Amino acid sequence: TSGQKINHSKRAFIPGKKANLIAHRIKSITGLSMKNLPITYLGAPLYKGRKMKHLFAELIDKVCFKISGWKHVHISHGSRLQLIKSVLAAMPIYLMQVLDPPIRIIQKLEQLFARYFWGTTEA
């Protein structure tokens, strides 16, 4: 055996809208917690309905955090371009393979990359 154990605090299920009574039975029998959408699973938001900008806020925050760590480092434009290509552009790859983010999210990422490249910080 691998020795891996189930993390009981992360076990959960998402019931349907009309399955309230059954969901409470499942919860009492199994000890699983109930959650509602949206949730994050393997780093990607799971949701039902329209794509909403706030579901991708974590990705934008991660990119902003990474850029803020580099803000005071004085490097050439070529080095900045390399950081954008190798680090920043790689951050959303998994999420974009799993989901089709709204165009505003893609535009925001491009804007953040451009501002870092040119050394501007105004909003």
PDB file of N, CA and C in Angstrom:
ATOM      1  N   THR A   1       0.846  -1.189   0.000  1.00  0.00           N
ATOM      2  CA  THR A   1       0.000   0.000   0.000  1.00  0.00           C
ATOM      3  C   THR A   1       0.882   1.240   0.000  1.00  0.00           C
ATOM      4  N   SER A   2       0.319   2.338  -0.426  1.00  0.00           N
ATOM      5  CA  SER A   2       1.091   3.579  -0.542  1.00  0.00           C
ATOM      6  C   SER A   2       1.227   4.311   0.780  1.00  0.00           C
ATOM      7  N   GLY A   3       0.370   4.025   1.731  1.00  0.00           N
ATOM      8  CA  GLY A   3       0.428   4.725   3.006  1.00  0.00           C
ATOM      9  C   GLY A   3      -0.307   6.049   2.999  1.00  0.00           C
ATOM     10  N   GLN A   4      -0.882   6.394   1.858  1.00  0.00           N
ATOM     11  CA  GLN A   4      -1.635   7.644   1.789  1.00  0.00           C
ATOM     12  C   GLN A   4      -2.956   7.495   2.525  1.00  0.00           C
ATOM     13  N   LYS A   5      -3.396   8.578   3.123  1.00  0.00           N
ATOM     14  CA  LYS A   5      -4.640   8.555   3.877  1.00  0.00           C
ATOM     15  C   LYS A   5      -5.600   9.599   3.330  1.00  0.00           C
ATOM     16  N   ILE A   6      -6.864   9.346   3.509  1.00  0.00           N
ATOM     17  CA  ILE A   6      -7.900  10.274   3.074  1.00  0.00           C
ATOM     18  C   ILE A   6      -7.952  11.449   4.038  1.00  0.00           C
ATOM     19  N   ASN A   7      -7.974  12.642   3.491  1.00  0.00           N
ATOM     20  CA  ASN A   7      -8.129  13.845   4.304  1.00  0.00           C
ATOM     21  C   ASN A   7      -9.630  14.073   4.488  1.00  0.00           C
ATOM     22  N   HIS A   8     -10.138  13.713   5.656  1.00  0.00           N
ATOM     23  CA  HIS A   8     -11.578  13.775   5.898  1.00  0.00           C
ATOM     24  C   HIS A   8     -12.113  15.199   5.893  1.00  0.00           C
ATOM     25  N   SER A   9     -11.270  16.176   6.146  1.00  0.00           N
ATOM     26  CA  SER A   9     -11.751  17.559   6.133  1.00  0.00           C
ATOM     27  C   SER A   9     -11.996  18.062   4.712  1.00  0.00           C
ATOM     28  N   LYS A  10     -11.460  17.373   3.710  1.00  0.00           N
ATOM     29  CA  LYS A  10     -11.644  17.790   2.323  1.00  0.00           C
ATOM     30  C   LYS A  10     -12.720  16.986   1.593  1.00  0.00           C
ATOM     31  N   ARG A  11     -13.253  15.972   2.234  1.00  0.00           N
ATOM     32  CA  ARG A  11     -14.285  15.156   1.590  1.00  0.00           C
ATOM     33  C   ARG A  11     -15.609  15.907   1.619  1.00  0.00           C
ATOM     34  N   ALA A  12     -16.264  15.973   0.488  1.00  0.00           N
ATOM     35  CA  ALA A  12     -17.539  16.684   0.427  1.00  0.00           C
ATOM     36  C   ALA A  12     -18.328  16.210  -0.784  1.00  0.00           C
ATOM     37  N   PHE A  13     -19.597  16.558  -0.798  1.00  0.00           N
ATOM     38  CA  PHE A  13     -20.426  16.294  -1.965  1.00  0.00           C
ATOM     39  C   PHE A  13     -21.303  17.508  -2.226  1.00  0.00           C
ATOM     40  N   ILE A  14     -21.756  17.610  -3.472  1.00  0.00           N
ATOM     41  CA  ILE A  14     -22.586  18.735  -3.884  1.00  0.00           C
ATOM     42  C   ILE A  14     -23.931  18.169  -4.324  1.00  0.00           C
ATOM     43  N   PRO A  15     -24.973  18.389  -3.527  1.00  0.00           N
ATOM     44  CA  PRO A  15     -26.283  17.850  -3.896  1.00  0.00           C
ATOM     45  C   PRO A  15     -26.962  18.714  -4.958  1.00  0.00           C
ATOM     46  N   GLY A  16     -27.910  18.102  -5.649  1.00  0.00           N
ATOM     47  CA  GLY A  16     -28.737  18.858  -6.578  1.00  0.00           C
ATOM     48  C   GLY A  16     -29.718  19.732  -5.820  1.00  0.00           C
ATOM     49  N   LYS A  17     -30.386  20.620  -6.536  1.00  0.00           N
ATOM     50  CA  LYS A  17     -31.308  21.552  -5.895  1.00  0.00           C
ATOM     51  C   LYS A  17     -32.458  20.855  -5.181  1.00  0.00           C
ATOM     52  N   LYS A  18     -32.997  19.804  -5.774  1.00  0.00           N
ATOM     53  CA  LYS A  18     -34.202  19.167  -5.236  1.00  0.00           C
ATOM     54  C   LYS A  18     -33.905  17.953  -4.369  1.00  0.00           C
ATOM     55  N   ALA A  19     -32.657  17.718  -4.052  1.00  0.00           N
ATOM     56  CA  ALA A  19     -32.278  16.523  -3.299  1.00  0.00           C
ATOM     57  C   ALA A  19     -31.973  16.845  -1.841  1.00  0.00           C
ATOM     58  N   ASN A  20     -32.684  17.789  -1.256  1.00  0.00           N
ATOM     59  CA  ASN A  20     -32.380  18.264   0.087  1.00  0.00           C
ATOM     60  C   ASN A  20     -32.494  17.160   1.137  1.00  0.00           C
ATOM     61  N   LEU A  21     -33.595  16.426   1.157  1.00  0.00           N
ATOM     62  CA  LEU A  21     -33.799  15.371   2.152  1.00  0.00           C
ATOM     63  C   LEU A  21     -32.761  14.258   1.980  1.00  0.00           C
ATOM     64  N   ILE A  22     -32.554  13.844   0.753  1.00  0.00           N
ATOM     65  CA  ILE A  22     -31.574  12.791   0.475  1.00  0.00           C
ATOM     66  C   ILE A  22     -30.166  13.270   0.834  1.00  0.00           C
ATOM     67  N   ALA A  23     -29.877  14.520   0.551  1.00  0.00           N
ATOM     68  CA  ALA A  23     -28.552  15.064   0.854  1.00  0.00           C
ATOM     69  C   ALA A  23     -28.278  15.031   2.352  1.00  0.00           C
ATOM     70  N   HIS A  24     -29.263  15.368   3.155  1.00  0.00           N
ATOM     71  CA  HIS A  24     -29.067  15.331   4.607  1.00  0.00           C
ATOM     72  C   HIS A  24     -28.882  13.897   5.108  1.00  0.00           C
ATOM     73  N   ARG A  25     -29.559  12.952   4.473  1.00  0.00           N
ATOM     74  CA  ARG A  25     -29.354  11.542   4.837  1.00  0.00           C
ATOM     75  C   ARG A  25     -27.933  11.099   4.495  1.00  0.00           C
ATOM     76  N   ILE A  26     -27.495  11.456   3.303  1.00  0.00           N
ATOM     77  CA  ILE A  26     -26.134  11.103   2.887  1.00  0.00           C
ATOM     78  C   ILE A  26     -25.124  11.702   3.856  1.00  0.00           C
ATOM     79  N   LYS A  27     -25.347  12.942   4.228  1.00  0.00           N
ATOM     80  CA  LYS A  27     -24.439  13.617   5.154  1.00  0.00           C
ATOM     81  C   LYS A  27     -24.389  12.901   6.499  1.00  0.00           C
ATOM     82  N   SER A  28     -25.550  12.515   7.023  1.00  0.00           N
ATOM     83  CA  SER A  28     -25.571  11.863   8.339  1.00  0.00           C
ATOM     84  C   SER A  28     -24.990  10.450   8.289  1.00  0.00           C
ATOM     85  N   ILE A  29     -25.193   9.742   7.194  1.00  0.00           N
ATOM     86  CA  ILE A  29     -24.689   8.370   7.084  1.00  0.00           C
ATOM     87  C   ILE A  29     -23.182   8.343   6.825  1.00  0.00           C
ATOM     88  N   THR A  30     -22.715   9.182   5.907  1.00  0.00           N
ATOM     89  CA  THR A  30     -21.309   9.117   5.489  1.00  0.00           C
ATOM     90  C   THR A  30     -20.383  10.051   6.264  1.00  0.00           C
ATOM     91  N   GLY A  31     -20.941  11.090   6.844  1.00  0.00           N
ATOM     92  CA  GLY A  31     -20.109  12.072   7.528  1.00  0.00           C
ATOM     93  C   GLY A  31     -19.466  13.078   6.589  1.00  0.00           C
ATOM     94  N   LEU A  32     -19.843  13.016   5.315  1.00  0.00           N
ATOM     95  CA  LEU A  32     -19.325  13.983   4.347  1.00  0.00           C
ATOM     96  C   LEU A  32     -19.959  15.345   4.591  1.00  0.00           C
ATOM     97  N   SER A  33     -19.240  16.393   4.254  1.00  0.00           N
ATOM     98  CA  SER A  33     -19.833  17.725   4.351  1.00  0.00           C
ATOM     99  C   SER A  33     -20.493  18.073   3.021  1.00  0.00           C
ATOM    100  N   MET A  34     -21.508  18.926   3.095  1.00  0.00           N
ATOM    101  CA  MET A  34     -22.196  19.387   1.891  1.00  0.00           C
ATOM    102  C   MET A  34     -21.618  20.728   1.478  1.00  0.00           C
ATOM    103  N   LYS A  35     -21.446  20.903   0.186  1.00  0.00           N
ATOM    104  CA  LYS A  35     -20.976  22.176  -0.344  1.00  0.00           C
ATOM    105  C   LYS A  35     -21.887  22.605  -1.476  1.00  0.00           C
ATOM    106  N   ASN A  36     -21.834  23.874  -1.772  1.00  0.00           N
ATOM    107  CA  ASN A  36     -22.586  24.433  -2.889  1.00  0.00           C
ATOM    108  C   ASN A  36     -21.613  25.006  -3.907  1.00  0.00           C
ATOM    109  N   LEU A  37     -22.038  25.012  -5.157  1.00  0.00           N
ATOM    110  CA  LEU A  37     -21.222  25.610  -6.207  1.00  0.00           C
ATOM    111  C   LEU A  37     -21.244  27.120  -6.058  1.00  0.00           C
ATOM    112  N   PRO A  38     -20.214  27.823  -6.408  1.00  0.00           N
ATOM    113  CA  PRO A  38     -18.954  27.363  -6.984  1.00  0.00           C
ATOM    114  C   PRO A  38     -17.972  26.900  -5.913  1.00  0.00           C
ATOM    115  N   ILE A  39     -17.125  25.953  -6.299  1.00  0.00           N
ATOM    116  CA  ILE A  39     -16.036  25.486  -5.447  1.00  0.00           C
ATOM    117  C   ILE A  39     -14.775  25.427  -6.304  1.00  0.00           C
ATOM    118  N   THR A  40     -13.651  25.233  -5.672  1.00  0.00           N
ATOM    119  CA  THR A  40     -12.395  25.051  -6.398  1.00  0.00           C
ATOM    120  C   THR A  40     -11.966  23.602  -6.247  1.00  0.00           C
ATOM    121  N   TYR A  41     -11.679  22.958  -7.380  1.00  0.00           N
ATOM    122  CA  TYR A  41     -11.240  21.571  -7.384  1.00  0.00           C
ATOM    123  C   TYR A  41     -10.006  21.476  -8.269  1.00  0.00           C
ATOM    124  N   LEU A  42      -8.918  20.983  -7.716  1.00  0.00           N
ATOM    125  CA  LEU A  42      -7.639  20.875  -8.425  1.00  0.00           C
ATOM    126  C   LEU A  42      -7.220  22.211  -9.038  1.00  0.00           C
ATOM    127  N   GLY A  43      -7.494  23.291  -8.320  1.00  0.00           N
ATOM    128  CA  GLY A  43      -7.083  24.615  -8.752  1.00  0.00           C
ATOM    129  C   GLY A  43      -7.993  25.290  -9.750  1.00  0.00           C
ATOM    130  N   ALA A  44      -9.065  24.616 -10.156  1.00  0.00           N
ATOM    131  CA  ALA A  44      -9.985  25.200 -11.133  1.00  0.00           C
ATOM    132  C   ALA A  44     -11.362  25.390 -10.503  1.00  0.00           C
ATOM    133  N   PRO A  45     -12.002  26.503 -10.785  1.00  0.00           N
ATOM    134  CA  PRO A  45     -13.337  26.715 -10.228  1.00  0.00           C
ATOM    135  C   PRO A  45     -14.367  25.823 -10.922  1.00  0.00           C
ATOM    136  N   LEU A  46     -15.204  25.181 -10.124  1.00  0.00           N
ATOM    137  CA  LEU A  46     -16.330  24.414 -10.651  1.00  0.00           C
ATOM    138  C   LEU A  46     -17.578  25.239 -10.395  1.00  0.00           C
ATOM    139  N   TYR A  47     -18.350  25.450 -11.416  1.00  0.00           N
ATOM    140  CA  TYR A  47     -19.530  26.288 -11.295  1.00  0.00           C
ATOM    141  C   TYR A  47     -20.589  25.819 -12.277  1.00  0.00           C
ATOM    142  N   LYS A  48     -21.781  26.338 -12.101  1.00  0.00           N
ATOM    143  CA  LYS A  48     -22.870  26.033 -13.013  1.00  0.00           C
ATOM    144  C   LYS A  48     -23.406  27.353 -13.529  1.00  0.00           C
ATOM    145  N   GLY A  49     -23.655  27.415 -14.808  1.00  0.00           N
ATOM    146  CA  GLY A  49     -24.201  28.636 -15.384  1.00  0.00           C
ATOM    147  C   GLY A  49     -23.144  29.441 -16.116  1.00  0.00           C
ATOM    148  N   ARG A  50     -23.359  30.742 -16.131  1.00  0.00           N
ATOM    149  CA  ARG A  50     -22.471  31.649 -16.853  1.00  0.00           C
ATOM    150  C   ARG A  50     -21.089  31.730 -16.217  1.00  0.00           C
ATOM    151  N   LYS A  51     -20.106  31.972 -17.064  1.00  0.00           N
ATOM    152  CA  LYS A  51     -18.749  32.208 -16.570  1.00  0.00           C
ATOM    153  C   LYS A  51     -18.736  33.583 -15.919  1.00  0.00           C
ATOM    154  N   MET A  52     -18.280  33.630 -14.692  1.00  0.00           N
ATOM    155  CA  MET A  52     -18.237  34.904 -13.990  1.00  0.00           C
ATOM    156  C   MET A  52     -16.799  35.288 -13.690  1.00  0.00           C
ATOM    157  N   LYS A  53     -16.557  36.564 -13.810  1.00  0.00           N
ATOM    158  CA  LYS A  53     -15.211  37.093 -13.646  1.00  0.00           C
ATOM    159  C   LYS A  53     -14.623  36.771 -12.274  1.00  0.00           C
ATOM    160  N   HIS A  54     -15.432  36.833 -11.231  1.00  0.00           N
ATOM    161  CA  HIS A  54     -14.904  36.631  -9.874  1.00  0.00           C
ATOM    162  C   HIS A  54     -14.406  35.204  -9.634  1.00  0.00           C
ATOM    163  N   LEU A  55     -14.839  34.254 -10.452  1.00  0.00           N
ATOM    164  CA  LEU A  55     -14.368  32.878 -10.302  1.00  0.00           C
ATOM    165  C   LEU A  55     -12.889  32.741 -10.683  1.00  0.00           C
ATOM    166  N   PHE A  56     -12.395  33.678 -11.458  1.00  0.00           N
ATOM    167  CA  PHE A  56     -11.009  33.632 -11.916  1.00  0.00           C
ATOM    168  C   PHE A  56     -10.133  34.637 -11.167  1.00  0.00           C
ATOM    169  N   ALA A  57     -10.678  35.224 -10.102  1.00  0.00           N
ATOM    170  CA  ALA A  57      -9.943  36.239  -9.337  1.00  0.00           C
ATOM    171  C   ALA A  57      -8.678  35.667  -8.708  1.00  0.00           C
ATOM    172  N   GLU A  58      -8.710  34.410  -8.314  1.00  0.00           N
ATOM    173  CA  GLU A  58      -7.532  33.793  -7.691  1.00  0.00           C
ATOM    174  C   GLU A  58      -6.350  33.771  -8.659  1.00  0.00           C
ATOM    175  N   LEU A  59      -6.620  33.491  -9.919  1.00  0.00           N
ATOM    176  CA  LEU A  59      -5.559  33.493 -10.931  1.00  0.00           C
ATOM    177  C   LEU A  59      -4.968  34.891 -11.083  1.00  0.00           C
ATOM    178  N   ILE A  60      -5.820  35.896 -11.188  1.00  0.00           N
ATOM    179  CA  ILE A  60      -5.356  37.279 -11.321  1.00  0.00           C
ATOM    180  C   ILE A  60      -4.536  37.673 -10.095  1.00  0.00           C
ATOM    181  N   ASP A  61      -5.009  37.283  -8.916  1.00  0.00           N
ATOM    182  CA  ASP A  61      -4.284  37.602  -7.678  1.00  0.00           C
ATOM    183  C   ASP A  61      -2.902  36.952  -7.652  1.00  0.00           C
ATOM    184  N   LYS A  62      -2.806  35.702  -8.119  1.00  0.00           N
ATOM    185  CA  LYS A  62      -1.511  35.009  -8.144  1.00  0.00           C
ATOM    186  C   LYS A  62      -0.525  35.707  -9.074  1.00  0.00           C
ATOM    187  N   VAL A  63      -1.017  36.127 -10.235  1.00  0.00           N
ATOM    188  CA  VAL A  63      -0.152  36.828 -11.189  1.00  0.00           C
ATOM    189  C   VAL A  63       0.294  38.167 -10.601  1.00  0.00           C
ATOM    190  N   CYS A  64      -0.640  38.905  -9.996  1.00  0.00           N
ATOM    191  CA  CYS A  64      -0.295  40.197  -9.376  1.00  0.00           C
ATOM    192  C   CYS A  64       0.723  40.014  -8.258  1.00  0.00           C
ATOM    193  N   PHE A  65       0.556  38.963  -7.468  1.00  0.00           N
ATOM    194  CA  PHE A  65       1.490  38.698  -6.372  1.00  0.00           C
ATOM    195  C   PHE A  65       2.887  38.404  -6.911  1.00  0.00           C
ATOM    196  N   LYS A  66       2.941  37.611  -7.964  1.00  0.00           N
ATOM    197  CA  LYS A  66       4.239  37.270  -8.564  1.00  0.00           C
ATOM    198  C   LYS A  66       4.913  38.529  -9.112  1.00  0.00           C
ATOM    199  N   ILE A  67       4.140  39.368  -9.803  1.00  0.00           N
ATOM    200  CA  ILE A  67       4.689  40.602 -10.367  1.00  0.00           C
ATOM    201  C   ILE A  67       5.146  41.547  -9.261  1.00  0.00           C
ATOM    202  N   SER A  68       4.380  41.626  -8.183  1.00  0.00           N
ATOM    203  CA  SER A  68       4.750  42.542  -7.096  1.00  0.00           C
ATOM    204  C   SER A  68       6.086  42.146  -6.465  1.00  0.00           C
ATOM    205  N   GLY A  69       6.414  40.872  -6.495  1.00  0.00           N
ATOM    206  CA  GLY A  69       7.705  40.426  -5.984  1.00  0.00           C
ATOM    207  C   GLY A  69       8.865  40.842  -6.872  1.00  0.00           C
ATOM    208  N   TRP A  70       8.578  41.094  -8.135  1.00  0.00           N
ATOM    209  CA  TRP A  70       9.615  41.489  -9.085  1.00  0.00           C
ATOM    210  C   TRP A  70       9.648  42.998  -9.312  1.00  0.00           C
ATOM    211  N   LYS A  71       8.747  43.728  -8.715  1.00  0.00           N
ATOM    212  CA  LYS A  71       8.566  45.146  -9.022  1.00  0.00           C
ATOM    213  C   LYS A  71       9.843  45.965  -8.844  1.00  0.00           C
ATOM    214  N   HIS A  72      10.586  45.704  -7.804  1.00  0.00           N
ATOM    215  CA  HIS A  72      11.756  46.523  -7.498  1.00  0.00           C
ATOM    216  C   HIS A  72      13.059  45.942  -8.042  1.00  0.00           C
ATOM    217  N   VAL A  73      12.956  44.882  -8.821  1.00  0.00           N
ATOM    218  CA  VAL A  73      14.143  44.278  -9.422  1.00  0.00           C
ATOM    219  C   VAL A  73      14.394  44.973 -10.759  1.00  0.00           C
ATOM    220  N   HIS A  74      15.561  45.551 -10.899  1.00  0.00           N
ATOM    221  CA  HIS A  74      15.901  46.274 -12.124  1.00  0.00           C
ATOM    222  C   HIS A  74      16.569  45.308 -13.103  1.00  0.00           C
ATOM    223  N   ILE A  75      15.813  44.918 -14.118  1.00  0.00           N
ATOM    224  CA  ILE A  75      16.341  44.008 -15.135  1.00  0.00           C
ATOM    225  C   ILE A  75      15.991  44.555 -16.513  1.00  0.00           C
ATOM    226  N   SER A  76      16.652  44.043 -17.516  1.00  0.00           N
ATOM    227  CA  SER A  76      16.436  44.511 -18.885  1.00  0.00           C
ATOM    228  C   SER A  76      15.071  44.065 -19.400  1.00  0.00           C
ATOM    229  N   HIS A  77      14.653  44.694 -20.502  1.00  0.00           N
ATOM    230  CA  HIS A  77      13.382  44.306 -21.114  1.00  0.00           C
ATOM    231  C   HIS A  77      13.431  42.865 -21.625  1.00  0.00           C
ATOM    232  N   GLY A  78      14.593  42.442 -22.091  1.00  0.00           N
ATOM    233  CA  GLY A  78      14.738  41.058 -22.541  1.00  0.00           C
ATOM    234  C   GLY A  78      14.530  40.068 -21.408  1.00  0.00           C
ATOM    235  N   SER A  79      15.065  40.403 -20.243  1.00  0.00           N
ATOM    236  CA  SER A  79      14.877  39.535 -19.075  1.00  0.00           C
ATOM    237  C   SER A  79      13.427  39.543 -18.610  1.00  0.00           C
ATOM    238  N   ARG A  80      12.797  40.714 -18.675  1.00  0.00           N
ATOM    239  CA  ARG A  80      11.372  40.792 -18.317  1.00  0.00           C
ATOM    240  C   ARG A  80      10.536  39.935 -19.262  1.00  0.00           C
ATOM    241  N   LEU A  81      10.856  40.023 -20.547  1.00  0.00           N
ATOM    242  CA  LEU A  81      10.126  39.224 -21.528  1.00  0.00           C
ATOM    243  C   LEU A  81      10.295  37.738 -21.237  1.00  0.00           C
ATOM    244  N   GLN A  82      11.494  37.341 -20.870  1.00  0.00           N
ATOM    245  CA  GLN A  82      11.737  35.933 -20.539  1.00  0.00           C
ATOM    246  C   GLN A  82      10.932  35.513 -19.316  1.00  0.00           C
ATOM    247  N   LEU A  83      10.848  36.368 -18.295  1.00  0.00           N
ATOM    248  CA  LEU A  83      10.035  36.064 -17.108  1.00  0.00           C
ATOM    249  C   LEU A  83       8.556  35.947 -17.472  1.00  0.00           C
ATOM    250  N   ILE A  84       8.090  36.833 -18.332  1.00  0.00           N
ATOM    251  CA  ILE A  84       6.683  36.777 -18.759  1.00  0.00           C
ATOM    252  C   ILE A  84       6.414  35.465 -19.479  1.00  0.00           C
ATOM    253  N   LYS A  85       7.287  35.106 -20.409  1.00  0.00           N
ATOM    254  CA  LYS A  85       7.077  33.888 -21.196  1.00  0.00           C
ATOM    255  C   LYS A  85       7.205  32.618 -20.362  1.00  0.00           C
ATOM    256  N   SER A  86       8.196  32.572 -19.490  1.00  0.00           N
ATOM    257  CA  SER A  86       8.467  31.320 -18.780  1.00  0.00           C
ATOM    258  C   SER A  86       7.698  31.167 -17.479  1.00  0.00           C
ATOM    259  N   VAL A  87       7.359  32.261 -16.815  1.00  0.00           N
ATOM    260  CA  VAL A  87       6.699  32.166 -15.512  1.00  0.00           C
ATOM    261  C   VAL A  87       5.244  32.626 -15.589  1.00  0.00           C
ATOM    262  N   LEU A  88       5.035  33.885 -15.962  1.00  0.00           N
ATOM    263  CA  LEU A  88       3.681  34.443 -15.917  1.00  0.00           C
ATOM    264  C   LEU A  88       2.732  33.776 -16.912  1.00  0.00           C
ATOM    265  N   ALA A  89       3.184  33.570 -18.136  1.00  0.00           N
ATOM    266  CA  ALA A  89       2.311  32.965 -19.142  1.00  0.00           C
ATOM    267  C   ALA A  89       2.027  31.499 -18.842  1.00  0.00           C
ATOM    268  N   ALA A  90       2.898  30.862 -18.059  1.00  0.00           N
ATOM    269  CA  ALA A  90       2.682  29.456 -17.716  1.00  0.00           C
ATOM    270  C   ALA A  90       1.659  29.286 -16.595  1.00  0.00           C
ATOM    271  N   MET A  91       1.461  30.313 -15.782  1.00  0.00           N
ATOM    272  CA  MET A  91       0.566  30.189 -14.627  1.00  0.00           C
ATOM    273  C   MET A  91      -0.876  29.838 -15.013  1.00  0.00           C
ATOM    274  N   PRO A  92      -1.461  30.445 -16.049  1.00  0.00           N
ATOM    275  CA  PRO A  92      -2.859  30.124 -16.364  1.00  0.00           C
ATOM    276  C   PRO A  92      -3.058  28.952 -17.325  1.00  0.00           C
ATOM    277  N   ILE A  93      -2.002  28.259 -17.718  1.00  0.00           N
ATOM    278  CA  ILE A  93      -2.135  27.220 -18.745  1.00  0.00           C
ATOM    279  C   ILE A  93      -3.117  26.125 -18.328  1.00  0.00           C
ATOM    280  N   TYR A  94      -2.953  25.570 -17.139  1.00  0.00           N
ATOM    281  CA  TYR A  94      -3.833  24.482 -16.700  1.00  0.00           C
ATOM    282  C   TYR A  94      -5.280  24.949 -16.650  1.00  0.00           C
ATOM    283  N   LEU A  95      -5.504  26.096 -16.052  1.00  0.00           N
ATOM    284  CA  LEU A  95      -6.865  26.609 -15.916  1.00  0.00           C
ATOM    285  C   LEU A  95      -7.500  26.847 -17.280  1.00  0.00           C
ATOM    286  N   MET A  96      -6.734  27.351 -18.225  1.00  0.00           N
ATOM    287  CA  MET A  96      -7.274  27.617 -19.556  1.00  0.00           C
ATOM    288  C   MET A  96      -7.482  26.341 -20.361  1.00  0.00           C
ATOM    289  N   GLN A  97      -6.799  25.258 -20.001  1.00  0.00           N
ATOM    290  CA  GLN A  97      -7.061  23.977 -20.658  1.00  0.00           C
ATOM    291  C   GLN A  97      -8.353  23.362 -20.141  1.00  0.00           C
ATOM    292  N   VAL A  98      -8.624  23.594 -18.868  1.00  0.00           N
ATOM    293  CA  VAL A  98      -9.800  23.004 -18.237  1.00  0.00           C
ATOM    294  C   VAL A  98     -11.048  23.829 -18.520  1.00  0.00           C
ATOM    295  N   LEU A  99     -10.926  25.140 -18.452  1.00  0.00           N
ATOM    296  CA  LEU A  99     -12.059  26.043 -18.620  1.00  0.00           C
ATOM    297  C   LEU A  99     -11.768  27.062 -19.711  1.00  0.00           C
ATOM    298  N   ASP A 100     -12.809  27.637 -20.215  1.00  0.00           N
ATOM    299  CA  ASP A 100     -12.695  28.709 -21.185  1.00  0.00           C
ATOM    300  C   ASP A 100     -13.002  30.010 -20.446  1.00  0.00           C
ATOM    301  N   PRO A 101     -11.970  30.726 -19.993  1.00  0.00           N
ATOM    302  CA  PRO A 101     -12.233  31.917 -19.186  1.00  0.00           C
ATOM    303  C   PRO A 101     -12.871  33.031 -20.015  1.00  0.00           C
ATOM    304  N   PRO A 102     -13.569  33.937 -19.351  1.00  0.00           N
ATOM    305  CA  PRO A 102     -14.145  35.079 -20.070  1.00  0.00           C
ATOM    306  C   PRO A 102     -13.044  35.904 -20.732  1.00  0.00           C
ATOM    307  N   ILE A 103     -13.379  36.548 -21.825  1.00  0.00           N
ATOM    308  CA  ILE A 103     -12.398  37.342 -22.569  1.00  0.00           C
ATOM    309  C   ILE A 103     -11.814  38.447 -21.701  1.00  0.00           C
ATOM    310  N   ARG A 104     -12.585  38.963 -20.756  1.00  0.00           N
ATOM    311  CA  ARG A 104     -12.081  40.020 -19.865  1.00  0.00           C
ATOM    312  C   ARG A 104     -10.921  39.516 -18.996  1.00  0.00           C
ATOM    313  N   ILE A 105     -10.940  38.256 -18.637  1.00  0.00           N
ATOM    314  CA  ILE A 105      -9.844  37.690 -17.842  1.00  0.00           C
ATOM    315  C   ILE A 105      -8.578  37.617 -18.684  1.00  0.00           C
ATOM    316  N   ILE A 106      -8.709  37.175 -19.916  1.00  0.00           N
ATOM    317  CA  ILE A 106      -7.558  37.103 -20.816  1.00  0.00           C
ATOM    318  C   ILE A 106      -6.997  38.503 -21.063  1.00  0.00           C
ATOM    319  N   GLN A 107      -7.888  39.466 -21.272  1.00  0.00           N
ATOM    320  CA  GLN A 107      -7.447  40.846 -21.473  1.00  0.00           C
ATOM    321  C   GLN A 107      -6.738  41.391 -20.235  1.00  0.00           C
ATOM    322  N   LYS A 108      -7.244  41.066 -19.060  1.00  0.00           N
ATOM    323  CA  LYS A 108      -6.621  41.527 -17.816  1.00  0.00           C
ATOM    324  C   LYS A 108      -5.220  40.938 -17.662  1.00  0.00           C
ATOM    325  N   LEU A 109      -5.067  39.645 -17.972  1.00  0.00           N
ATOM    326  CA  LEU A 109      -3.741  39.015 -17.907  1.00  0.00           C
ATOM    327  C   LEU A 109      -2.773  39.685 -18.878  1.00  0.00           C
ATOM    328  N   GLU A 110      -3.235  39.923 -20.103  1.00  0.00           N
ATOM    329  CA  GLU A 110      -2.385  40.589 -21.091  1.00  0.00           C
ATOM    330  C   GLU A 110      -1.996  41.985 -20.617  1.00  0.00           C
ATOM    331  N   GLN A 111      -2.933  42.679 -19.990  1.00  0.00           N
ATOM    332  CA  GLN A 111      -2.667  44.016 -19.465  1.00  0.00           C
ATOM    333  C   GLN A 111      -1.606  43.966 -18.360  1.00  0.00           C
ATOM    334  N   LEU A 112      -1.734  43.002 -17.456  1.00  0.00           N
ATOM    335  CA  LEU A 112      -0.749  42.855 -16.382  1.00  0.00           C
ATOM    336  C   LEU A 112       0.637  42.543 -16.944  1.00  0.00           C
ATOM    337  N   PHE A 113       0.695  41.652 -17.937  1.00  0.00           N
ATOM    338  CA  PHE A 113       1.972  41.307 -18.559  1.00  0.00           C
ATOM    339  C   PHE A 113       2.598  42.543 -19.202  1.00  0.00           C
ATOM    340  N   ALA A 114       1.794  43.306 -19.943  1.00  0.00           N
ATOM    341  CA  ALA A 114       2.302  44.491 -20.641  1.00  0.00           C
ATOM    342  C   ALA A 114       2.789  45.543 -19.651  1.00  0.00           C
ATOM    343  N   ARG A 115       2.043  45.752 -18.591  1.00  0.00           N
ATOM    344  CA  ARG A 115       2.450  46.753 -17.596  1.00  0.00           C
ATOM    345  C   ARG A 115       3.752  46.347 -16.913  1.00  0.00           C
ATOM    346  N   TYR A 116       3.898  45.065 -16.644  1.00  0.00           N
ATOM    347  CA  TYR A 116       5.160  44.616 -16.055  1.00  0.00           C
ATOM    348  C   TYR A 116       6.302  44.811 -17.056  1.00  0.00           C
ATOM    349  N   PHE A 117       6.056  44.445 -18.303  1.00  0.00           N
ATOM    350  CA  PHE A 117       7.103  44.557 -19.324  1.00  0.00           C
ATOM    351  C   PHE A 117       7.578  46.001 -19.479  1.00  0.00           C
ATOM    352  N   TRP A 118       6.629  46.930 -19.555  1.00  0.00           N
ATOM    353  CA  TRP A 118       6.981  48.332 -19.769  1.00  0.00           C
ATOM    354  C   TRP A 118       7.292  49.072 -18.474  1.00  0.00           C
ATOM    355  N   GLY A 119       7.106  48.421 -17.330  1.00  0.00           N
ATOM    356  CA  GLY A 119       7.463  49.042 -16.059  1.00  0.00           C
ATOM    357  C   GLY A 119       6.460  50.050 -15.551  1.00  0.00           C
ATOM    358  N   THR A 120       5.203  49.948 -16.004  1.00  0.00           N
ATOM    359  CA  THR A 120       4.163  50.864 -15.525  1.00  0.00           C
ATOM    360  C   THR A 120       3.309  50.156 -14.492  1.00  0.00           C
ATOM    361  N   THR A 121       2.762  50.924 -13.566  1.00  0.00           N
ATOM    362  CA  THR A 121       1.952  50.326 -12.502  1.00  0.00           C
ATOM    363  C   THR A 121       0.595  50.979 -12.356  1.00  0.00           C
ATOM    364  N   GLU A 122       0.313  52.036 -13.125  1.00  0.00           N
ATOM    365  CA  GLU A 122      -0.983  52.695 -12.952  1.00  0.00           C
ATOM    366  C   GLU A 122      -2.115  51.784 -13.390  1.00  0.00           C
ATOM    367  N   ALA A 123      -3.281  51.940 -12.759  1.00  0.00           N
ATOM    368  CA  ALA A 123      -4.428  51.055 -13.003  1.00  0.00           C
ATOM    369  C   ALA A 123      -5.144  51.383 -14.283  1.00  0.00           C
TER     370      ALA A 123
END
